[in-house]
Amino acid sequence: FEKFDSSLMNNKVLSANEKVVYIICKSFATAPRGCRISHKYLMDRTKIKTRKTLIKCLDRLTMFGMLARKQIDNSTCHYVFDKTTMQEDKKVVHRLIHK
């Protein structure tokens, strides 16, 4: 059982798909290895039919600062939700790009 703030459900900026994707991802936040979910799993759970639509949802959630993701392999990403971890991941990526 997961608790979510009512502000998420009442958010008028996010689509229904974006809210459901966020809720599913967030429900794995306390997993032993963190939230590591494949696109296929998210598409199966949400009934989103195309990868393009799923990526658009994830991009918007990232844009609004609700999650950050790092691709682990071709189909699985590691998702983080706290601002500190998001900033640290951005710094690492920035250092790698500008070597």
N, C-alpha and C. Protein backbone atom coordinates (compact mmCIF):
# COMPACT_ATOMS: atom_id res chain seq x y z
N PHE A 1 0.84 -1.18 0.00
CA PHE A 1 0.00 0.00 0.00
C PHE A 1 0.88 1.23 0.00
N GLU A 2 0.64 2.14 -0.92
CA GLU A 2 1.42 3.38 -1.02
C GLU A 2 0.52 4.58 -0.76
N LYS A 3 1.07 5.57 -0.07
CA LYS A 3 0.35 6.83 0.16
C LYS A 3 0.92 7.88 -0.77
N PHE A 4 0.04 8.65 -1.39
CA PHE A 4 0.47 9.75 -2.25
C PHE A 4 -0.28 11.01 -1.86
N ASP A 5 0.42 12.11 -1.92
CA ASP A 5 -0.16 13.39 -1.60
C ASP A 5 -1.28 13.71 -2.59
N SER A 6 -2.37 14.26 -2.08
CA SER A 6 -3.51 14.58 -2.95
C SER A 6 -3.15 15.62 -4.01
N SER A 7 -2.08 16.38 -3.77
CA SER A 7 -1.68 17.38 -4.77
C SER A 7 -1.27 16.72 -6.08
N LEU A 8 -0.74 15.50 -6.02
CA LEU A 8 -0.41 14.78 -7.25
C LEU A 8 -1.68 14.47 -8.04
N MET A 9 -2.67 13.96 -7.36
CA MET A 9 -3.92 13.60 -8.05
C MET A 9 -4.65 14.84 -8.56
N ASN A 10 -4.53 15.95 -7.87
CA ASN A 10 -5.22 17.17 -8.27
C ASN A 10 -4.40 18.05 -9.20
N ASN A 11 -3.20 17.62 -9.54
CA ASN A 11 -2.33 18.38 -10.42
C ASN A 11 -2.96 18.49 -11.81
N LYS A 12 -3.17 19.70 -12.28
CA LYS A 12 -3.82 19.91 -13.57
C LYS A 12 -2.84 20.00 -14.73
N VAL A 13 -1.54 20.01 -14.42
CA VAL A 13 -0.52 20.10 -15.46
C VAL A 13 -0.17 18.72 -16.01
N LEU A 14 -0.16 17.72 -15.13
CA LEU A 14 0.20 16.36 -15.54
C LEU A 14 -0.99 15.63 -16.13
N SER A 15 -0.72 14.80 -17.13
CA SER A 15 -1.76 13.96 -17.71
C SER A 15 -2.00 12.75 -16.81
N ALA A 16 -3.07 12.05 -17.06
CA ALA A 16 -3.37 10.83 -16.31
C ALA A 16 -2.25 9.81 -16.48
N ASN A 17 -1.75 9.65 -17.71
CA ASN A 17 -0.64 8.72 -17.95
C ASN A 17 0.59 9.10 -17.14
N GLU A 18 0.91 10.38 -17.10
CA GLU A 18 2.09 10.83 -16.36
C GLU A 18 1.94 10.54 -14.87
N LYS A 19 0.76 10.76 -14.34
CA LYS A 19 0.51 10.49 -12.92
C LYS A 19 0.67 9.00 -12.62
N VAL A 20 0.13 8.15 -13.46
CA VAL A 20 0.21 6.71 -13.22
C VAL A 20 1.66 6.23 -13.36
N VAL A 21 2.37 6.71 -14.35
CA VAL A 21 3.78 6.34 -14.51
C VAL A 21 4.56 6.75 -13.27
N TYR A 22 4.33 7.96 -12.79
CA TYR A 22 5.03 8.44 -11.59
C TYR A 22 4.71 7.56 -10.38
N ILE A 23 3.45 7.25 -10.19
CA ILE A 23 3.04 6.44 -9.03
C ILE A 23 3.69 5.06 -9.08
N ILE A 24 3.71 4.45 -10.26
CA ILE A 24 4.34 3.13 -10.39
C ILE A 24 5.83 3.22 -10.09
N CYS A 25 6.51 4.19 -10.69
CA CYS A 25 7.95 4.34 -10.45
C CYS A 25 8.23 4.61 -8.97
N LYS A 26 7.49 5.52 -8.39
CA LYS A 26 7.71 5.90 -6.99
C LYS A 26 7.47 4.71 -6.05
N SER A 27 6.58 3.81 -6.43
CA SER A 27 6.30 2.66 -5.57
C SER A 27 7.51 1.72 -5.44
N PHE A 28 8.47 1.85 -6.34
CA PHE A 28 9.70 1.04 -6.29
C PHE A 28 10.86 1.79 -5.64
N ALA A 29 10.63 2.98 -5.16
CA ALA A 29 11.72 3.82 -4.63
C ALA A 29 12.46 3.16 -3.47
N THR A 30 11.77 2.36 -2.69
CA THR A 30 12.42 1.74 -1.53
C THR A 30 12.88 0.31 -1.79
N ALA A 31 12.86 -0.11 -3.03
CA ALA A 31 13.37 -1.45 -3.38
C ALA A 31 14.85 -1.52 -3.03
N PRO A 32 15.36 -2.71 -2.73
CA PRO A 32 16.76 -2.85 -2.31
C PRO A 32 17.78 -2.21 -3.25
N ARG A 33 17.56 -2.30 -4.54
CA ARG A 33 18.49 -1.69 -5.51
C ARG A 33 17.94 -0.40 -6.09
N GLY A 34 16.90 0.15 -5.48
CA GLY A 34 16.29 1.37 -5.98
C GLY A 34 15.28 1.05 -7.07
N CYS A 35 14.76 2.07 -7.66
CA CYS A 35 13.74 1.92 -8.70
C CYS A 35 14.41 1.65 -10.04
N ARG A 36 14.36 0.40 -10.46
CA ARG A 36 14.92 -0.03 -11.75
C ARG A 36 13.82 -0.74 -12.51
N ILE A 37 13.26 -0.04 -13.47
CA ILE A 37 12.08 -0.56 -14.18
C ILE A 37 12.32 -0.46 -15.68
N SER A 38 11.88 -1.47 -16.39
CA SER A 38 12.00 -1.44 -17.86
C SER A 38 10.83 -0.68 -18.47
N HIS A 39 11.06 -0.21 -19.66
CA HIS A 39 9.98 0.45 -20.41
C HIS A 39 8.85 -0.53 -20.66
N LYS A 40 9.20 -1.77 -20.95
CA LYS A 40 8.18 -2.79 -21.20
C LYS A 40 7.27 -2.96 -19.98
N TYR A 41 7.87 -3.02 -18.80
CA TYR A 41 7.09 -3.18 -17.57
C TYR A 41 6.13 -1.99 -17.40
N LEU A 42 6.64 -0.78 -17.58
CA LEU A 42 5.78 0.40 -17.45
C LEU A 42 4.66 0.39 -18.49
N MET A 43 4.98 -0.01 -19.70
CA MET A 43 3.96 -0.06 -20.74
C MET A 43 2.91 -1.12 -20.43
N ASP A 44 3.33 -2.26 -19.94
CA ASP A 44 2.38 -3.32 -19.56
C ASP A 44 1.46 -2.86 -18.44
N ARG A 45 2.03 -2.24 -17.42
CA ARG A 45 1.25 -1.81 -16.26
C ARG A 45 0.29 -0.66 -16.56
N THR A 46 0.71 0.25 -17.45
CA THR A 46 -0.10 1.44 -17.73
C THR A 46 -0.99 1.29 -18.96
N LYS A 47 -0.72 0.28 -19.74
CA LYS A 47 -1.42 0.07 -21.02
C LYS A 47 -1.08 1.16 -22.04
N ILE A 48 0.03 1.86 -21.82
CA ILE A 48 0.53 2.81 -22.83
C ILE A 48 1.01 1.97 -24.00
N LYS A 49 0.56 2.30 -25.18
CA LYS A 49 0.79 1.44 -26.33
C LYS A 49 2.13 1.66 -27.05
N THR A 50 2.67 2.86 -27.01
CA THR A 50 3.91 3.11 -27.75
C THR A 50 5.02 3.59 -26.81
N ARG A 51 6.22 3.20 -27.17
CA ARG A 51 7.39 3.63 -26.40
C ARG A 51 7.53 5.15 -26.46
N LYS A 52 7.17 5.73 -27.59
CA LYS A 52 7.25 7.18 -27.77
C LYS A 52 6.38 7.90 -26.74
N THR A 53 5.18 7.39 -26.51
CA THR A 53 4.27 8.00 -25.53
C THR A 53 4.85 7.86 -24.12
N LEU A 54 5.40 6.70 -23.81
CA LEU A 54 5.99 6.49 -22.49
C LEU A 54 7.16 7.45 -22.28
N ILE A 55 8.03 7.56 -23.26
CA ILE A 55 9.20 8.45 -23.16
C ILE A 55 8.73 9.89 -22.97
N LYS A 56 7.69 10.28 -23.65
CA LYS A 56 7.15 11.63 -23.51
C LYS A 56 6.69 11.86 -22.05
N CYS A 57 6.02 10.88 -21.47
CA CYS A 57 5.60 10.98 -20.06
C CYS A 57 6.80 11.13 -19.16
N LEU A 58 7.80 10.29 -19.35
CA LEU A 58 9.00 10.33 -18.52
C LEU A 58 9.76 11.64 -18.70
N ASP A 59 9.81 12.15 -19.93
CA ASP A 59 10.47 13.43 -20.19
C ASP A 59 9.78 14.57 -19.45
N ARG A 60 8.46 14.57 -19.46
CA ARG A 60 7.71 15.63 -18.77
C ARG A 60 7.89 15.52 -17.25
N LEU A 61 7.88 14.31 -16.71
CA LEU A 61 8.11 14.14 -15.28
C LEU A 61 9.51 14.61 -14.89
N THR A 62 10.47 14.37 -15.77
CA THR A 62 11.84 14.85 -15.55
C THR A 62 11.88 16.37 -15.62
N MET A 63 11.21 16.94 -16.61
CA MET A 63 11.19 18.39 -16.79
C MET A 63 10.61 19.10 -15.56
N PHE A 64 9.59 18.51 -14.95
CA PHE A 64 8.97 19.10 -13.77
C PHE A 64 9.72 18.77 -12.48
N GLY A 65 10.84 18.05 -12.59
CA GLY A 65 11.67 17.76 -11.42
C GLY A 65 11.11 16.70 -10.50
N MET A 66 10.22 15.87 -11.02
CA MET A 66 9.60 14.84 -10.19
C MET A 66 10.43 13.57 -10.12
N LEU A 67 11.23 13.34 -11.15
CA LEU A 67 12.13 12.20 -11.17
C LEU A 67 13.28 12.47 -12.11
N ALA A 68 14.33 11.70 -11.94
CA ALA A 68 15.46 11.71 -12.87
C ALA A 68 15.73 10.26 -13.21
N ARG A 69 16.23 10.03 -14.41
CA ARG A 69 16.48 8.65 -14.80
C ARG A 69 17.83 8.51 -15.48
N LYS A 70 18.39 7.33 -15.29
CA LYS A 70 19.66 6.99 -15.91
C LYS A 70 19.48 5.63 -16.55
N GLN A 71 19.81 5.53 -17.82
CA GLN A 71 19.63 4.27 -18.52
C GLN A 71 20.70 3.28 -18.08
N ILE A 72 20.25 2.08 -17.70
CA ILE A 72 21.15 1.02 -17.25
C ILE A 72 21.54 0.14 -18.43
N ASP A 73 20.56 -0.25 -19.21
CA ASP A 73 20.80 -1.00 -20.44
C ASP A 73 19.77 -0.54 -21.46
N ASN A 74 19.62 -1.29 -22.53
CA ASN A 74 18.72 -0.84 -23.60
C ASN A 74 17.29 -0.61 -23.18
N SER A 75 16.81 -1.31 -22.17
CA SER A 75 15.39 -1.20 -21.85
C SER A 75 15.09 -0.88 -20.40
N THR A 76 16.12 -0.79 -19.56
CA THR A 76 15.89 -0.55 -18.14
C THR A 76 16.54 0.75 -17.70
N CYS A 77 15.83 1.49 -16.86
CA CYS A 77 16.35 2.74 -16.30
C CYS A 77 16.33 2.67 -14.78
N HIS A 78 17.22 3.44 -14.19
CA HIS A 78 17.24 3.63 -12.74
C HIS A 78 16.63 5.01 -12.49
N TYR A 79 15.58 5.07 -11.68
CA TYR A 79 14.87 6.31 -11.41
C TYR A 79 15.15 6.76 -9.99
N VAL A 80 15.37 8.06 -9.82
CA VAL A 80 15.55 8.64 -8.48
C VAL A 80 14.56 9.79 -8.32
N PHE A 81 14.24 10.07 -7.06
CA PHE A 81 13.16 11.03 -6.78
C PHE A 81 13.57 12.18 -5.89
N ASP A 82 14.70 12.07 -5.18
CA ASP A 82 15.09 13.16 -4.30
C ASP A 82 16.02 14.12 -5.04
N LYS A 83 15.87 15.38 -4.75
CA LYS A 83 16.60 16.44 -5.47
C LYS A 83 18.12 16.30 -5.33
N THR A 84 18.60 15.89 -4.17
CA THR A 84 20.05 15.77 -3.97
C THR A 84 20.64 14.75 -4.92
N THR A 85 20.02 13.59 -5.02
CA THR A 85 20.52 12.55 -5.92
C THR A 85 20.44 13.01 -7.37
N MET A 86 19.35 13.70 -7.72
CA MET A 86 19.21 14.20 -9.09
C MET A 86 20.36 15.15 -9.43
N GLN A 87 20.70 16.06 -8.50
CA GLN A 87 21.77 17.02 -8.74
C GLN A 87 23.12 16.33 -8.86
N GLU A 88 23.36 15.33 -8.01
CA GLU A 88 24.63 14.60 -8.08
C GLU A 88 24.77 13.88 -9.41
N ASP A 89 23.68 13.26 -9.88
CA ASP A 89 23.71 12.57 -11.17
C ASP A 89 24.01 13.55 -12.30
N LYS A 90 23.42 14.75 -12.24
CA LYS A 90 23.67 15.76 -13.27
C LYS A 90 25.13 16.19 -13.27
N LYS A 91 25.73 16.34 -12.07
CA LYS A 91 27.14 16.74 -11.98
C LYS A 91 28.03 15.68 -12.58
N VAL A 92 27.75 14.41 -12.32
CA VAL A 92 28.56 13.31 -12.87
C VAL A 92 28.46 13.32 -14.38
N VAL A 93 27.27 13.44 -14.91
CA VAL A 93 27.08 13.47 -16.37
C VAL A 93 27.80 14.66 -16.97
N HIS A 94 27.69 15.83 -16.33
CA HIS A 94 28.35 17.05 -16.82
C HIS A 94 29.87 16.84 -16.87
N ARG A 95 30.44 16.23 -15.81
CA ARG A 95 31.89 15.98 -15.80
C ARG A 95 32.29 15.02 -16.91
N LEU A 96 31.49 14.00 -17.15
CA LEU A 96 31.81 13.03 -18.20
C LEU A 96 31.77 13.68 -19.59
N ILE A 97 30.80 14.54 -19.80
CA ILE A 97 30.63 15.19 -21.10
C ILE A 97 31.78 16.16 -21.37
N HIS A 98 32.21 16.86 -20.35
CA HIS A 98 33.18 17.95 -20.53
C HIS A 98 34.60 17.57 -20.16
N LYS A 99 34.94 16.29 -20.27
CA LYS A 99 36.32 15.84 -20.02
C LYS A 99 37.20 16.25 -21.15
